[in-house]
Amino acid sequence: MKWLLPLGILIFFELVADIVAKKWSLVGGSLLAAGALAAYLAANTFWLFALHNGSGLGRGAVIFSVVSALLAVLIGVGMYNETVTRTQLIGFVFGVASLVLIFWE
């Protein structure tokens, strides 16, 4: 499972990009926009390494999507005081359940 490290780095850079993009949406500035784009580019570079090392398109994409979404919700709530509805919270639980099922062998 040597694809987990590049997938983890992908998720890290995606979250950095999301935070910088959110900051750009609040205050603007071309430097923030460029920083977000650079972080998204770095993230997708590690996606290539994850695929090359055996993550699989389906499994890797699901893990990336769910983990980055769950972490983005936590960052949105924790750093930006965004709210989560009951329905969204149920989706959050389903996301965690999907990760359990993806790794179940």
Protein backbone atom coordinates (compact mmCIF):
# COMPACT_ATOMS: atom_id res chain seq x y z
CA MET A 1 0.00 0.00 0.00
CA LYS A 2 2.77 2.41 -0.91
CA TRP A 3 0.12 4.54 -2.65
CA LEU A 4 -1.19 5.75 0.72
CA LEU A 5 1.68 8.21 1.23
CA PRO A 6 1.19 10.09 -2.07
CA LEU A 7 -2.58 10.00 -1.48
CA GLY A 8 -2.05 11.54 1.97
CA ILE A 9 0.19 14.24 0.49
CA LEU A 10 -2.46 14.87 -2.18
CA ILE A 11 -5.07 15.41 0.53
CA PHE A 12 -2.72 17.70 2.46
CA PHE A 13 -2.04 19.95 -0.54
CA GLU A 14 -5.75 19.94 -1.43
CA LEU A 15 -6.61 21.20 2.05
CA VAL A 16 -3.89 23.86 1.89
CA ALA A 17 -5.28 24.95 -1.48
CA ASP A 18 -8.83 25.02 -0.09
CA ILE A 19 -7.78 27.18 2.85
CA VAL A 20 -5.86 29.60 0.62
CA ALA A 21 -8.77 29.70 -1.87
CA LYS A 22 -11.21 30.46 0.96
CA LYS A 23 -8.91 33.25 2.17
CA TRP A 24 -8.76 34.60 -1.40
CA SER A 25 -12.58 34.52 -1.60
CA LEU A 26 -12.76 36.64 1.55
CA VAL A 27 -10.02 39.21 0.91
CA GLY A 28 -8.96 38.82 -2.74
CA GLY A 29 -5.45 39.27 -4.03
CA SER A 30 -3.57 37.75 -6.91
CA LEU A 31 -0.89 36.27 -4.64
CA LEU A 32 -3.49 34.21 -2.78
CA ALA A 33 -5.05 33.07 -6.06
CA ALA A 34 -1.64 32.01 -7.36
CA GLY A 35 -0.90 30.22 -4.10
CA ALA A 36 -4.16 28.29 -4.28
CA LEU A 37 -3.50 27.30 -7.88
CA ALA A 38 0.05 26.19 -7.03
CA ALA A 39 -1.22 24.05 -4.16
CA TYR A 40 -3.89 22.48 -6.41
CA LEU A 41 -1.18 21.72 -8.97
CA ALA A 42 1.00 20.10 -6.30
CA ALA A 43 -1.99 18.08 -5.08
CA ASN A 44 -2.73 16.72 -8.53
CA THR A 45 0.91 15.85 -9.06
CA PHE A 46 0.70 13.53 -6.06
CA TRP A 47 -2.53 12.08 -7.48
CA LEU A 48 -0.43 10.85 -10.41
CA PHE A 49 2.02 9.19 -7.98
CA ALA A 50 -0.84 7.58 -6.05
CA LEU A 51 -2.27 6.13 -9.27
CA HIS A 52 1.15 4.96 -10.42
CA ASN A 53 1.74 3.20 -7.09
CA GLY A 54 -1.51 1.24 -7.21
CA SER A 55 -4.27 3.26 -5.55
CA GLY A 56 -6.65 2.40 -8.37
CA LEU A 57 -8.82 5.03 -9.97
CA GLY A 58 -12.05 4.07 -8.20
CA ARG A 59 -10.66 3.33 -4.75
CA GLY A 60 -8.19 6.24 -4.77
CA ALA A 61 -10.77 8.73 -6.00
CA VAL A 62 -13.31 7.69 -3.38
CA ILE A 63 -10.77 7.86 -0.55
CA PHE A 64 -9.49 11.24 -1.74
CA SER A 65 -12.96 12.69 -2.20
CA VAL A 66 -14.38 11.52 1.10
CA VAL A 67 -11.35 12.31 3.27
CA SER A 68 -10.79 15.74 1.74
CA ALA A 69 -14.52 16.53 2.05
CA LEU A 70 -14.62 15.44 5.70
CA LEU A 71 -11.53 17.48 6.53
CA ALA A 72 -12.86 20.48 4.60
CA VAL A 73 -16.04 20.38 6.68
CA LEU A 74 -13.98 20.30 9.88
CA ILE A 75 -11.88 23.23 8.67
CA GLY A 76 -14.96 25.16 7.57
CA VAL A 77 -16.60 24.70 10.95
CA GLY A 78 -13.45 25.17 13.01
CA MET A 79 -11.72 28.03 11.21
CA TYR A 80 -14.55 29.87 9.45
CA ASN A 81 -17.52 29.26 11.76
CA GLU A 82 -19.53 27.64 8.98
CA THR A 83 -22.56 25.65 10.07
CA VAL A 84 -23.47 22.04 9.34
CA THR A 85 -27.10 21.00 9.02
CA ARG A 86 -28.48 17.73 10.35
CA THR A 87 -28.73 16.38 6.79
CA GLN A 88 -25.10 17.31 6.13
CA LEU A 89 -24.09 15.62 9.36
CA ILE A 90 -25.81 12.43 8.18
CA GLY A 91 -23.80 12.71 4.96
CA PHE A 92 -20.66 13.09 7.07
CA VAL A 93 -21.50 9.82 8.86
CA PHE A 94 -22.12 8.08 5.52
CA GLY A 95 -18.74 9.36 4.33
CA VAL A 96 -17.00 7.78 7.31
CA ALA A 97 -18.94 4.55 6.72
CA SER A 98 -17.84 4.54 3.08
CA LEU A 99 -14.19 4.72 4.16
CA VAL A 100 -14.69 1.76 6.49
CA LEU A 101 -16.21 -0.24 3.63
CA ILE A 102 -13.47 0.77 1.15
CA PHE A 103 -10.77 -0.56 3.50
CA TRP A 104 -12.72 -3.64 4.63
CA GLU A 105 -11.08 -6.82 3.36
